[in-house]
């Protein structure tokens, strides 16, 4: 238990002052933030997060008490699935949400009534045009649209495409690619929105 806002909060549990494993975890948080940011610049395929962490010799404390629990909480998936995630996707998500820095982190807020309340209001004007539970087989990006091949190879074109977060980086691929295949990753069912 700790909070990284101040030194005093960092050591709210006084025993952490004397635990080398706690210092290793803090060191690895800072190192992961640096290395994940650098990795996004383009060093090719990074493999799964678990492989990236093993190759980087990250501490057990960092993985078990920081990164895996955070990934599990964000995506509502078990630790094993977090470790199977593509490193590039995981790092990009953390970067896009200000989580690869220890200072200037965003303040997270809660919506009264939960996410269903604001989602329903947000989609009200175009709810009839939203396609749910439509498996995607192939995506082709163009300058002015995205073509999506669904079941039975039926192609639909979109000028705007909103994706489930787990498939964003995987399905659309890197910048500059014009075509990509849907990954064969089984994401567990989640009741979260």
N, C-alpha and C. Protein backbone atom coordinates (compact mmCIF):
# COMPACT_ATOMS: atom_id res chain seq x y z
N UNK A 1 0.84 -1.17 0.00
CA UNK A 1 0.00 0.00 0.00
C UNK A 1 0.89 1.23 0.00
N UNK A 2 0.70 2.11 -0.98
CA UNK A 2 1.50 3.32 -1.09
C UNK A 2 0.80 4.28 -2.04
N UNK A 3 1.28 5.50 -2.07
CA UNK A 3 0.78 6.51 -2.99
C UNK A 3 2.01 7.29 -3.41
N UNK A 4 2.19 7.49 -4.69
CA UNK A 4 3.40 8.13 -5.19
C UNK A 4 3.36 9.63 -5.26
N UNK A 5 2.35 10.28 -4.69
CA UNK A 5 2.24 11.74 -4.80
C UNK A 5 3.32 12.48 -4.03
N UNK A 6 3.66 12.00 -2.83
CA UNK A 6 4.71 12.62 -2.02
C UNK A 6 5.55 11.52 -1.38
N UNK A 7 6.73 11.90 -0.90
CA UNK A 7 7.60 10.92 -0.22
C UNK A 7 6.88 10.35 1.00
N UNK A 8 6.21 11.20 1.73
CA UNK A 8 5.49 10.75 2.93
C UNK A 8 4.43 9.70 2.57
N UNK A 9 3.68 9.94 1.50
CA UNK A 9 2.66 8.99 1.06
C UNK A 9 3.28 7.72 0.48
N UNK A 10 4.46 7.86 -0.13
CA UNK A 10 5.15 6.70 -0.69
C UNK A 10 5.45 5.67 0.40
N UNK A 11 5.75 6.18 1.60
CA UNK A 11 6.10 5.28 2.70
C UNK A 11 5.05 5.32 3.79
N UNK A 12 3.77 5.31 3.38
CA UNK A 12 2.68 5.32 4.35
C UNK A 12 2.76 4.07 5.23
N UNK A 13 3.23 2.96 4.67
CA UNK A 13 3.53 1.78 5.48
C UNK A 13 5.01 1.88 5.83
N UNK A 14 5.28 2.18 7.05
CA UNK A 14 6.66 2.46 7.50
C UNK A 14 7.62 1.30 7.20
N UNK A 15 7.13 0.08 7.20
CA UNK A 15 8.02 -1.06 6.95
C UNK A 15 8.61 -1.02 5.54
N UNK A 16 7.97 -0.31 4.62
CA UNK A 16 8.51 -0.20 3.26
C UNK A 16 9.85 0.54 3.23
N UNK A 17 10.10 1.37 4.24
CA UNK A 17 11.39 2.07 4.34
C UNK A 17 12.55 1.07 4.42
N UNK A 18 12.29 -0.10 4.99
CA UNK A 18 13.34 -1.10 5.22
C UNK A 18 13.26 -2.30 4.27
N UNK A 19 12.37 -2.24 3.30
CA UNK A 19 12.20 -3.38 2.39
C UNK A 19 12.90 -3.12 1.05
N UNK A 20 14.02 -3.82 0.79
CA UNK A 20 14.69 -3.65 -0.50
C UNK A 20 13.77 -3.97 -1.69
N UNK A 21 12.84 -4.91 -1.51
CA UNK A 21 11.94 -5.27 -2.60
C UNK A 21 11.04 -4.10 -2.99
N UNK A 22 10.69 -3.26 -2.02
CA UNK A 22 9.87 -2.08 -2.31
C UNK A 22 10.67 -1.10 -3.18
N UNK A 23 11.95 -0.90 -2.84
CA UNK A 23 12.80 -0.02 -3.62
C UNK A 23 13.02 -0.57 -5.04
N UNK A 24 13.14 -1.90 -5.16
CA UNK A 24 13.26 -2.52 -6.49
C UNK A 24 12.01 -2.24 -7.32
N UNK A 25 10.83 -2.35 -6.69
CA UNK A 25 9.58 -2.10 -7.40
C UNK A 25 9.54 -0.65 -7.90
N UNK A 26 9.89 0.29 -7.05
CA UNK A 26 9.89 1.70 -7.43
C UNK A 26 10.88 1.93 -8.58
N UNK A 27 12.06 1.35 -8.47
CA UNK A 27 13.07 1.47 -9.52
C UNK A 27 12.53 0.92 -10.85
N UNK A 28 11.85 -0.23 -10.77
CA UNK A 28 11.33 -0.84 -11.99
C UNK A 28 10.15 -0.08 -12.57
N UNK A 29 9.36 0.59 -11.73
CA UNK A 29 8.28 1.44 -12.25
C UNK A 29 8.90 2.54 -13.11
N UNK A 30 9.92 3.19 -12.59
CA UNK A 30 10.58 4.27 -13.33
C UNK A 30 11.25 3.73 -14.60
N UNK A 31 11.90 2.57 -14.49
CA UNK A 31 12.57 1.97 -15.65
C UNK A 31 11.56 1.55 -16.70
N UNK A 32 10.46 0.91 -16.29
CA UNK A 32 9.44 0.50 -17.26
C UNK A 32 8.87 1.72 -17.99
N UNK A 33 8.60 2.79 -17.26
CA UNK A 33 8.08 3.99 -17.89
C UNK A 33 9.03 4.50 -18.98
N UNK A 34 10.33 4.51 -18.68
CA UNK A 34 11.34 4.95 -19.67
C UNK A 34 11.42 3.99 -20.85
N UNK A 35 11.56 2.70 -20.54
CA UNK A 35 11.78 1.71 -21.60
C UNK A 35 10.54 1.50 -22.46
N UNK A 36 9.37 1.56 -21.87
CA UNK A 36 8.13 1.40 -22.65
C UNK A 36 7.97 2.58 -23.59
N UNK A 37 8.30 3.79 -23.13
CA UNK A 37 8.22 4.97 -24.00
C UNK A 37 9.18 4.84 -25.18
N UNK A 38 10.40 4.39 -24.90
CA UNK A 38 11.40 4.21 -25.97
C UNK A 38 10.96 3.11 -26.94
N UNK A 39 10.38 2.04 -26.41
CA UNK A 39 9.97 0.91 -27.24
C UNK A 39 8.92 1.33 -28.26
N UNK A 40 8.12 2.33 -27.94
CA UNK A 40 7.06 2.77 -28.84
C UNK A 40 7.60 3.54 -30.04
N UNK A 41 8.86 3.96 -29.96
CA UNK A 41 9.45 4.71 -31.06
C UNK A 41 9.64 3.82 -32.28
N UNK A 42 9.72 2.51 -32.09
CA UNK A 42 9.75 1.61 -33.23
C UNK A 42 10.93 0.68 -33.29
N UNK A 43 10.98 -0.25 -32.38
CA UNK A 43 12.04 -1.25 -32.39
C UNK A 43 11.54 -2.59 -32.89
N UNK A 44 10.55 -2.60 -33.73
CA UNK A 44 10.02 -3.84 -34.26
C UNK A 44 9.08 -4.53 -33.30
N UNK A 45 8.81 -5.80 -33.56
CA UNK A 45 7.90 -6.59 -32.73
C UNK A 45 8.49 -6.76 -31.34
N UNK A 46 7.70 -6.48 -30.34
CA UNK A 46 8.16 -6.57 -28.96
C UNK A 46 7.69 -7.84 -28.26
N UNK A 47 6.78 -8.57 -28.87
CA UNK A 47 6.27 -9.78 -28.25
C UNK A 47 5.29 -9.48 -27.13
N UNK A 48 5.03 -10.50 -26.34
CA UNK A 48 4.05 -10.35 -25.25
C UNK A 48 4.68 -9.55 -24.11
N UNK A 49 3.82 -9.01 -23.26
CA UNK A 49 4.28 -8.24 -22.11
C UNK A 49 5.10 -9.13 -21.18
N UNK A 50 4.66 -10.37 -20.98
CA UNK A 50 5.40 -11.29 -20.12
C UNK A 50 6.82 -11.52 -20.60
N UNK A 51 6.99 -11.71 -21.91
CA UNK A 51 8.33 -11.91 -22.49
C UNK A 51 9.17 -10.64 -22.34
N UNK A 52 8.56 -9.51 -22.62
CA UNK A 52 9.25 -8.22 -22.49
C UNK A 52 9.77 -8.03 -21.06
N UNK A 53 8.93 -8.35 -20.07
CA UNK A 53 9.32 -8.18 -18.67
C UNK A 53 10.41 -9.18 -18.26
N UNK A 54 10.29 -10.43 -18.74
CA UNK A 54 11.32 -11.43 -18.43
C UNK A 54 12.65 -11.03 -19.06
N UNK A 55 12.62 -10.65 -20.33
CA UNK A 55 13.86 -10.25 -21.02
C UNK A 55 14.49 -9.03 -20.36
N UNK A 56 13.65 -8.15 -19.84
CA UNK A 56 14.15 -6.95 -19.17
C UNK A 56 14.54 -7.19 -17.72
N UNK A 57 14.35 -8.42 -17.24
CA UNK A 57 14.69 -8.79 -15.87
C UNK A 57 14.02 -7.86 -14.85
N UNK A 58 12.73 -7.60 -15.07
CA UNK A 58 11.96 -6.80 -14.11
C UNK A 58 11.69 -7.63 -12.87
N UNK A 59 11.64 -6.97 -11.73
CA UNK A 59 11.48 -7.67 -10.46
C UNK A 59 10.08 -8.26 -10.31
N UNK A 60 10.02 -9.32 -9.52
CA UNK A 60 8.75 -9.97 -9.20
C UNK A 60 7.80 -8.98 -8.52
N UNK A 61 8.35 -8.15 -7.64
CA UNK A 61 7.54 -7.16 -6.93
C UNK A 61 6.86 -6.21 -7.91
N UNK A 62 7.60 -5.76 -8.90
CA UNK A 62 7.05 -4.84 -9.91
C UNK A 62 5.92 -5.51 -10.68
N UNK A 63 6.15 -6.73 -11.13
CA UNK A 63 5.16 -7.44 -11.93
C UNK A 63 3.94 -7.81 -11.08
N UNK A 64 4.18 -8.40 -9.91
CA UNK A 64 3.08 -8.93 -9.09
C UNK A 64 2.32 -7.89 -8.28
N UNK A 65 2.98 -6.77 -7.95
CA UNK A 65 2.34 -5.78 -7.08
C UNK A 65 2.06 -4.44 -7.76
N UNK A 66 2.44 -4.33 -9.03
CA UNK A 66 2.19 -3.06 -9.73
C UNK A 66 1.56 -3.30 -11.11
N UNK A 67 2.37 -3.84 -12.04
CA UNK A 67 1.94 -3.87 -13.44
C UNK A 67 0.78 -4.85 -13.69
N UNK A 68 0.91 -6.09 -13.23
CA UNK A 68 -0.16 -7.08 -13.46
C UNK A 68 -1.48 -6.67 -12.79
N UNK A 69 -1.46 -6.22 -11.53
CA UNK A 69 -2.73 -5.79 -10.93
C UNK A 69 -3.34 -4.59 -11.66
N UNK A 70 -2.49 -3.66 -12.12
CA UNK A 70 -3.03 -2.51 -12.83
C UNK A 70 -3.67 -2.93 -14.15
N UNK A 71 -3.00 -3.79 -14.91
CA UNK A 71 -3.58 -4.30 -16.15
C UNK A 71 -4.86 -5.08 -15.92
N UNK A 72 -4.87 -5.90 -14.87
CA UNK A 72 -6.07 -6.67 -14.53
C UNK A 72 -7.24 -5.75 -14.20
N UNK A 73 -6.97 -4.68 -13.48
CA UNK A 73 -8.03 -3.74 -13.11
C UNK A 73 -8.54 -2.96 -14.32
N UNK A 74 -7.63 -2.54 -15.18
CA UNK A 74 -8.02 -1.74 -16.35
C UNK A 74 -8.89 -2.56 -17.31
N UNK A 75 -8.46 -3.78 -17.62
CA UNK A 75 -9.16 -4.57 -18.64
C UNK A 75 -10.07 -5.65 -18.07
N UNK A 76 -10.17 -5.75 -16.76
CA UNK A 76 -11.00 -6.77 -16.11
C UNK A 76 -10.67 -8.17 -16.62
N UNK A 77 -9.38 -8.48 -16.62
CA UNK A 77 -8.91 -9.79 -17.06
C UNK A 77 -7.94 -10.34 -16.03
N UNK A 78 -7.74 -11.67 -16.01
CA UNK A 78 -6.79 -12.25 -15.05
C UNK A 78 -5.34 -11.89 -15.40
N UNK A 79 -4.48 -12.00 -14.42
CA UNK A 79 -3.06 -11.69 -14.57
C UNK A 79 -2.43 -12.41 -15.76
N UNK A 80 -2.78 -13.68 -15.95
CA UNK A 80 -2.18 -14.45 -17.05
C UNK A 80 -2.49 -13.80 -18.40
N UNK A 81 -3.69 -13.26 -18.55
CA UNK A 81 -4.06 -12.60 -19.81
C UNK A 81 -3.32 -11.28 -19.98
N UNK A 82 -3.05 -10.59 -18.86
CA UNK A 82 -2.27 -9.36 -18.94
C UNK A 82 -0.89 -9.68 -19.50
N UNK A 83 -0.29 -10.75 -19.01
CA UNK A 83 1.06 -11.13 -19.46
C UNK A 83 1.10 -11.57 -20.93
N UNK A 84 -0.05 -11.99 -21.47
CA UNK A 84 -0.12 -12.41 -22.87
C UNK A 84 -0.35 -11.23 -23.82
N UNK A 85 -0.70 -10.07 -23.28
CA UNK A 85 -1.00 -8.92 -24.13
C UNK A 85 0.24 -8.48 -24.90
N UNK A 86 0.06 -7.97 -26.12
CA UNK A 86 1.20 -7.43 -26.86
C UNK A 86 1.79 -6.22 -26.12
N UNK A 87 3.10 -6.21 -25.96
CA UNK A 87 3.77 -5.13 -25.24
C UNK A 87 3.46 -3.78 -25.85
N UNK A 88 3.48 -3.70 -27.17
CA UNK A 88 3.26 -2.43 -27.85
C UNK A 88 1.87 -1.87 -27.51
N UNK A 89 0.86 -2.72 -27.51
CA UNK A 89 -0.49 -2.28 -27.18
C UNK A 89 -0.56 -1.78 -25.74
N UNK A 90 0.01 -2.56 -24.82
CA UNK A 90 -0.01 -2.22 -23.40
C UNK A 90 0.68 -0.87 -23.17
N UNK A 91 1.87 -0.71 -23.74
CA UNK A 91 2.64 0.52 -23.56
C UNK A 91 1.93 1.71 -24.20
N UNK A 92 1.34 1.50 -25.38
CA UNK A 92 0.63 2.60 -26.06
C UNK A 92 -0.57 3.06 -25.22
N UNK A 93 -1.30 2.11 -24.64
CA UNK A 93 -2.43 2.47 -23.78
C UNK A 93 -1.93 3.29 -22.59
N UNK A 94 -0.87 2.82 -21.94
CA UNK A 94 -0.34 3.54 -20.79
C UNK A 94 0.12 4.94 -21.21
N UNK A 95 0.77 5.04 -22.35
CA UNK A 95 1.23 6.35 -22.82
C UNK A 95 0.05 7.28 -23.09
N UNK A 96 -0.95 6.77 -23.81
CA UNK A 96 -2.12 7.59 -24.16
C UNK A 96 -2.91 8.05 -22.94
N UNK A 97 -2.77 7.35 -21.82
CA UNK A 97 -3.53 7.70 -20.62
C UNK A 97 -2.65 8.31 -19.53
N UNK A 98 -1.47 8.79 -19.91
CA UNK A 98 -0.60 9.47 -18.97
C UNK A 98 -0.06 8.59 -17.86
N UNK A 99 0.05 7.30 -18.12
CA UNK A 99 0.46 6.37 -17.08
C UNK A 99 1.93 5.96 -17.18
N UNK A 100 2.68 6.55 -18.12
CA UNK A 100 4.10 6.27 -18.21
C UNK A 100 4.92 7.40 -17.60
N UNK A 101 4.33 8.08 -16.67
CA UNK A 101 5.01 9.15 -15.96
C UNK A 101 4.59 9.09 -14.50
N UNK A 102 5.48 9.53 -13.62
CA UNK A 102 5.11 9.54 -12.20
C UNK A 102 4.68 10.92 -11.76
N UNK A 103 5.00 11.92 -12.56
CA UNK A 103 4.51 13.26 -12.25
C UNK A 103 3.53 13.66 -13.34
N UNK A 104 2.68 14.56 -13.05
CA UNK A 104 1.71 15.06 -14.02
C UNK A 104 0.78 13.96 -14.54
N UNK A 105 0.37 13.06 -13.66
CA UNK A 105 -0.60 12.02 -14.04
C UNK A 105 -1.99 12.62 -14.08
N UNK A 106 -2.85 12.11 -14.94
CA UNK A 106 -4.22 12.64 -14.98
C UNK A 106 -4.99 12.27 -13.72
N UNK A 107 -5.93 13.10 -13.37
CA UNK A 107 -6.80 12.81 -12.23
C UNK A 107 -8.02 12.09 -12.77
N UNK A 108 -8.26 10.89 -12.27
CA UNK A 108 -9.40 10.10 -12.73
C UNK A 108 -10.64 10.51 -11.94
N UNK A 109 -11.74 10.60 -12.63
CA UNK A 109 -12.99 11.01 -11.99
C UNK A 109 -14.07 9.95 -12.19
N UNK A 110 -15.09 10.00 -11.37
CA UNK A 110 -16.18 9.04 -11.44
C UNK A 110 -17.45 9.77 -11.86
N UNK A 111 -18.22 9.15 -12.74
CA UNK A 111 -19.48 9.71 -13.20
C UNK A 111 -20.60 9.21 -12.29
N UNK A 112 -21.41 10.13 -11.78
CA UNK A 112 -22.56 9.74 -10.97
C UNK A 112 -23.51 8.90 -11.81
N UNK A 113 -23.91 7.77 -11.29
CA UNK A 113 -24.81 6.89 -12.03
C UNK A 113 -24.07 5.90 -12.91
N UNK A 114 -22.75 5.99 -12.97
CA UNK A 114 -21.95 5.04 -13.73
C UNK A 114 -21.87 5.35 -15.21
N UNK A 115 -21.05 4.58 -15.89
CA UNK A 115 -20.78 4.83 -17.30
C UNK A 115 -22.01 4.63 -18.19
N UNK A 116 -22.90 3.72 -17.81
CA UNK A 116 -24.09 3.50 -18.64
C UNK A 116 -24.87 4.79 -18.85
N UNK A 117 -24.91 5.61 -17.83
CA UNK A 117 -25.69 6.85 -17.90
C UNK A 117 -25.16 7.80 -18.97
N UNK A 118 -23.86 8.05 -18.98
CA UNK A 118 -23.35 8.99 -19.97
C UNK A 118 -23.21 8.35 -21.35
N UNK A 119 -22.97 7.05 -21.40
CA UNK A 119 -22.88 6.38 -22.70
C UNK A 119 -24.23 6.46 -23.42
N UNK A 120 -25.31 6.18 -22.71
CA UNK A 120 -26.64 6.24 -23.34
C UNK A 120 -26.94 7.63 -23.89
N UNK A 121 -26.58 8.65 -23.14
CA UNK A 121 -26.81 10.02 -23.59
C UNK A 121 -25.92 10.36 -24.79
N UNK A 122 -24.71 9.91 -24.75
CA UNK A 122 -23.76 10.18 -25.82
C UNK A 122 -24.21 9.56 -27.15
N UNK A 123 -24.73 8.34 -27.12
CA UNK A 123 -25.08 7.64 -28.37
C UNK A 123 -26.51 7.88 -28.84
N UNK A 124 -27.31 8.55 -28.04
CA UNK A 124 -28.73 8.74 -28.38
C UNK A 124 -28.96 9.21 -29.82
N UNK A 125 -28.23 10.22 -30.34
CA UNK A 125 -28.52 10.70 -31.70
C UNK A 125 -28.23 9.68 -32.82
N UNK A 126 -27.35 8.72 -32.58
CA UNK A 126 -26.97 7.79 -33.65
C UNK A 126 -27.02 6.33 -33.22
N UNK A 127 -27.77 6.04 -32.18
CA UNK A 127 -27.85 4.68 -31.64
C UNK A 127 -28.26 3.65 -32.70
N UNK A 128 -29.16 4.01 -33.59
CA UNK A 128 -29.64 3.08 -34.62
C UNK A 128 -28.55 2.70 -35.63
N UNK A 129 -27.44 3.44 -35.66
CA UNK A 129 -26.37 3.13 -36.62
C UNK A 129 -25.21 2.36 -35.99
N UNK A 130 -25.29 2.09 -34.71
CA UNK A 130 -24.20 1.37 -34.03
C UNK A 130 -24.34 -0.12 -34.26
N UNK A 131 -23.23 -0.74 -34.66
CA UNK A 131 -23.21 -2.19 -34.89
C UNK A 131 -22.44 -2.84 -33.74
N UNK A 132 -23.11 -3.70 -33.00
CA UNK A 132 -22.49 -4.40 -31.87
C UNK A 132 -22.34 -5.88 -32.17
N UNK A 133 -21.41 -6.51 -31.49
CA UNK A 133 -21.19 -7.96 -31.63
C UNK A 133 -21.04 -8.38 -33.08
N UNK A 134 -20.28 -7.61 -33.82
CA UNK A 134 -20.05 -7.90 -35.24
C UNK A 134 -18.58 -8.28 -35.41
N UNK A 135 -18.28 -9.57 -35.50
CA UNK A 135 -16.88 -9.99 -35.64
C UNK A 135 -16.23 -9.36 -36.87
N UNK A 136 -14.99 -8.94 -36.71
CA UNK A 136 -14.23 -8.32 -37.79
C UNK A 136 -13.15 -9.28 -38.23
N UNK A 137 -13.05 -9.51 -39.53
CA UNK A 137 -12.05 -10.42 -40.08
C UNK A 137 -10.84 -9.68 -40.66
N UNK A 138 -11.08 -8.51 -41.24
CA UNK A 138 -10.02 -7.82 -41.96
C UNK A 138 -10.33 -6.34 -41.99
N UNK A 139 -9.29 -5.50 -41.92
CA UNK A 139 -9.47 -4.05 -41.97
C UNK A 139 -8.50 -3.47 -42.98
N UNK A 140 -9.00 -2.56 -43.83
CA UNK A 140 -8.15 -1.84 -44.78
C UNK A 140 -8.35 -0.35 -44.55
N UNK A 141 -7.24 0.35 -44.31
CA UNK A 141 -7.33 1.79 -44.10
C UNK A 141 -7.05 2.52 -45.40
N UNK A 142 -7.81 3.57 -45.63
CA UNK A 142 -7.62 4.47 -46.77
C UNK A 142 -7.52 5.88 -46.20
N UNK A 143 -7.16 6.84 -47.04
CA UNK A 143 -7.05 8.22 -46.56
C UNK A 143 -8.38 8.76 -46.05
N UNK A 144 -9.47 8.37 -46.69
CA UNK A 144 -10.77 8.97 -46.37
C UNK A 144 -11.76 8.02 -45.69
N UNK A 145 -11.37 6.75 -45.47
CA UNK A 145 -12.31 5.81 -44.88
C UNK A 145 -11.57 4.56 -44.40
N UNK A 146 -12.32 3.72 -43.72
CA UNK A 146 -11.82 2.41 -43.29
C UNK A 146 -12.81 1.38 -43.81
N UNK A 147 -12.31 0.36 -44.52
CA UNK A 147 -13.16 -0.74 -44.97
C UNK A 147 -13.02 -1.89 -43.98
N UNK A 148 -14.15 -2.42 -43.54
CA UNK A 148 -14.15 -3.50 -42.56
C UNK A 148 -14.87 -4.70 -43.16
N UNK A 149 -14.17 -5.84 -43.20
CA UNK A 149 -14.78 -7.09 -43.64
C UNK A 149 -15.28 -7.82 -42.40
N UNK A 150 -16.57 -8.11 -42.41
CA UNK A 150 -17.17 -8.82 -41.28
C UNK A 150 -17.48 -10.24 -41.66
N UNK A 151 -18.51 -10.78 -41.01
CA UNK A 151 -18.92 -12.15 -41.30
C UNK A 151 -19.30 -12.29 -42.76
N UNK A 152 -19.04 -13.45 -43.32
CA UNK A 152 -19.36 -13.77 -44.72
C UNK A 152 -18.71 -12.76 -45.66
N UNK A 153 -17.55 -12.20 -45.22
CA UNK A 153 -16.76 -11.27 -46.03
C UNK A 153 -17.57 -10.06 -46.51
N UNK A 154 -18.61 -9.70 -45.80
CA UNK A 154 -19.41 -8.51 -46.13
C UNK A 154 -18.61 -7.27 -45.75
N UNK A 155 -18.31 -6.41 -46.69
CA UNK A 155 -17.50 -5.22 -46.46
C UNK A 155 -18.36 -4.00 -46.23
N UNK A 156 -18.01 -3.24 -45.22
CA UNK A 156 -18.67 -1.96 -44.95
C UNK A 156 -17.60 -0.90 -44.85
N UNK A 157 -17.89 0.30 -45.34
CA UNK A 157 -16.95 1.41 -45.26
C UNK A 157 -17.40 2.40 -44.20
N UNK A 158 -16.43 2.94 -43.48
CA UNK A 158 -16.71 3.88 -42.41
C UNK A 158 -15.76 5.06 -42.51
N UNK A 159 -16.27 6.25 -42.22
CA UNK A 159 -15.37 7.39 -42.10
C UNK A 159 -14.99 7.56 -40.64
N UNK A 160 -15.74 6.97 -39.73
CA UNK A 160 -15.43 6.98 -38.31
C UNK A 160 -15.58 5.56 -37.79
N UNK A 161 -14.62 5.13 -37.02
CA UNK A 161 -14.65 3.77 -36.49
C UNK A 161 -14.26 3.82 -35.02
N UNK A 162 -15.15 3.38 -34.17
CA UNK A 162 -14.85 3.32 -32.74
C UNK A 162 -14.67 1.86 -32.39
N UNK A 163 -13.53 1.55 -31.76
CA UNK A 163 -13.19 0.16 -31.50
C UNK A 163 -13.18 -0.13 -30.01
N UNK A 164 -13.43 -1.39 -29.68
CA UNK A 164 -13.24 -1.86 -28.31
C UNK A 164 -11.76 -1.74 -28.00
N UNK A 165 -11.43 -1.23 -26.83
CA UNK A 165 -10.05 -0.86 -26.52
C UNK A 165 -9.06 -2.01 -26.70
N UNK A 166 -9.42 -3.23 -26.43
CA UNK A 166 -8.47 -4.34 -26.51
C UNK A 166 -7.99 -4.58 -27.93
N UNK A 167 -8.76 -4.16 -28.93
CA UNK A 167 -8.39 -4.45 -30.31
C UNK A 167 -7.84 -3.25 -31.06
N UNK A 168 -7.76 -2.09 -30.46
CA UNK A 168 -7.38 -0.89 -31.18
C UNK A 168 -6.06 -1.05 -31.90
N UNK A 169 -5.00 -1.23 -31.15
CA UNK A 169 -3.68 -1.31 -31.75
C UNK A 169 -3.48 -2.58 -32.55
N UNK A 170 -4.11 -3.65 -32.14
CA UNK A 170 -3.91 -4.93 -32.80
C UNK A 170 -4.59 -4.97 -34.16
N UNK A 171 -5.79 -4.48 -34.23
CA UNK A 171 -6.57 -4.60 -35.45
C UNK A 171 -6.16 -3.61 -36.51
N UNK A 172 -5.91 -2.39 -36.11
CA UNK A 172 -5.57 -1.36 -37.09
C UNK A 172 -4.08 -1.30 -37.38
N UNK A 173 -3.27 -1.96 -36.59
CA UNK A 173 -1.85 -2.04 -36.88
C UNK A 173 -1.13 -0.72 -36.69
N UNK A 174 0.11 -0.69 -37.17
CA UNK A 174 0.94 0.50 -37.02
C UNK A 174 0.57 1.55 -38.06
N UNK A 175 0.97 2.78 -37.77
CA UNK A 175 0.77 3.85 -38.76
C UNK A 175 1.52 3.47 -40.02
N UNK A 176 0.95 3.81 -41.12
CA UNK A 176 1.61 3.52 -42.39
C UNK A 176 1.15 2.23 -43.03
N UNK A 177 0.59 1.32 -42.27
CA UNK A 177 0.08 0.10 -42.88
C UNK A 177 -1.31 0.38 -43.42
N UNK A 178 -1.60 -0.22 -44.54
CA UNK A 178 -2.91 0.02 -45.14
C UNK A 178 -3.81 -1.17 -44.98
N UNK A 179 -3.26 -2.30 -44.61
CA UNK A 179 -4.09 -3.48 -44.43
C UNK A 179 -3.56 -4.31 -43.28
N UNK A 180 -4.42 -5.00 -42.60
CA UNK A 180 -4.00 -5.85 -41.50
C UNK A 180 -5.06 -6.90 -41.23
N UNK A 181 -4.65 -7.97 -40.57
CA UNK A 181 -5.56 -9.07 -40.25
C UNK A 181 -6.02 -8.94 -38.81
N UNK A 182 -7.22 -9.38 -38.56
CA UNK A 182 -7.71 -9.42 -37.19
C UNK A 182 -6.90 -10.45 -36.42
N UNK A 183 -6.44 -10.12 -35.22
CA UNK A 183 -5.64 -11.07 -34.45
C UNK A 183 -6.49 -12.21 -33.91
N UNK A 184 -5.86 -13.34 -33.70
CA UNK A 184 -6.56 -14.49 -33.14
C UNK A 184 -6.31 -14.53 -31.64
N UNK A 185 -6.82 -13.54 -30.96
CA UNK A 185 -6.69 -13.46 -29.50
C UNK A 185 -8.07 -13.60 -28.91
N UNK A 186 -8.21 -14.48 -27.96
CA UNK A 186 -9.49 -14.67 -27.29
C UNK A 186 -9.51 -13.78 -26.06
N UNK A 187 -10.31 -12.72 -26.10
CA UNK A 187 -10.46 -11.85 -24.95
C UNK A 187 -11.64 -12.39 -24.13
N UNK A 188 -11.47 -12.48 -22.82
CA UNK A 188 -12.57 -12.99 -22.00
C UNK A 188 -13.76 -12.02 -22.01
N UNK A 189 -14.95 -12.58 -21.87
CA UNK A 189 -16.13 -11.74 -21.78
C UNK A 189 -16.02 -10.86 -20.55
N UNK A 190 -16.44 -9.62 -20.69
CA UNK A 190 -16.37 -8.69 -19.59
C UNK A 190 -17.69 -7.94 -19.49
N UNK A 191 -18.16 -7.70 -18.29
CA UNK A 191 -19.41 -6.99 -18.12
C UNK A 191 -19.17 -5.50 -17.97
N UNK A 192 -17.91 -5.07 -18.12
CA UNK A 192 -17.60 -3.65 -17.97
C UNK A 192 -17.91 -2.92 -19.25
N UNK A 193 -18.11 -1.62 -19.14
CA UNK A 193 -18.37 -0.77 -20.31
C UNK A 193 -17.21 0.15 -20.50
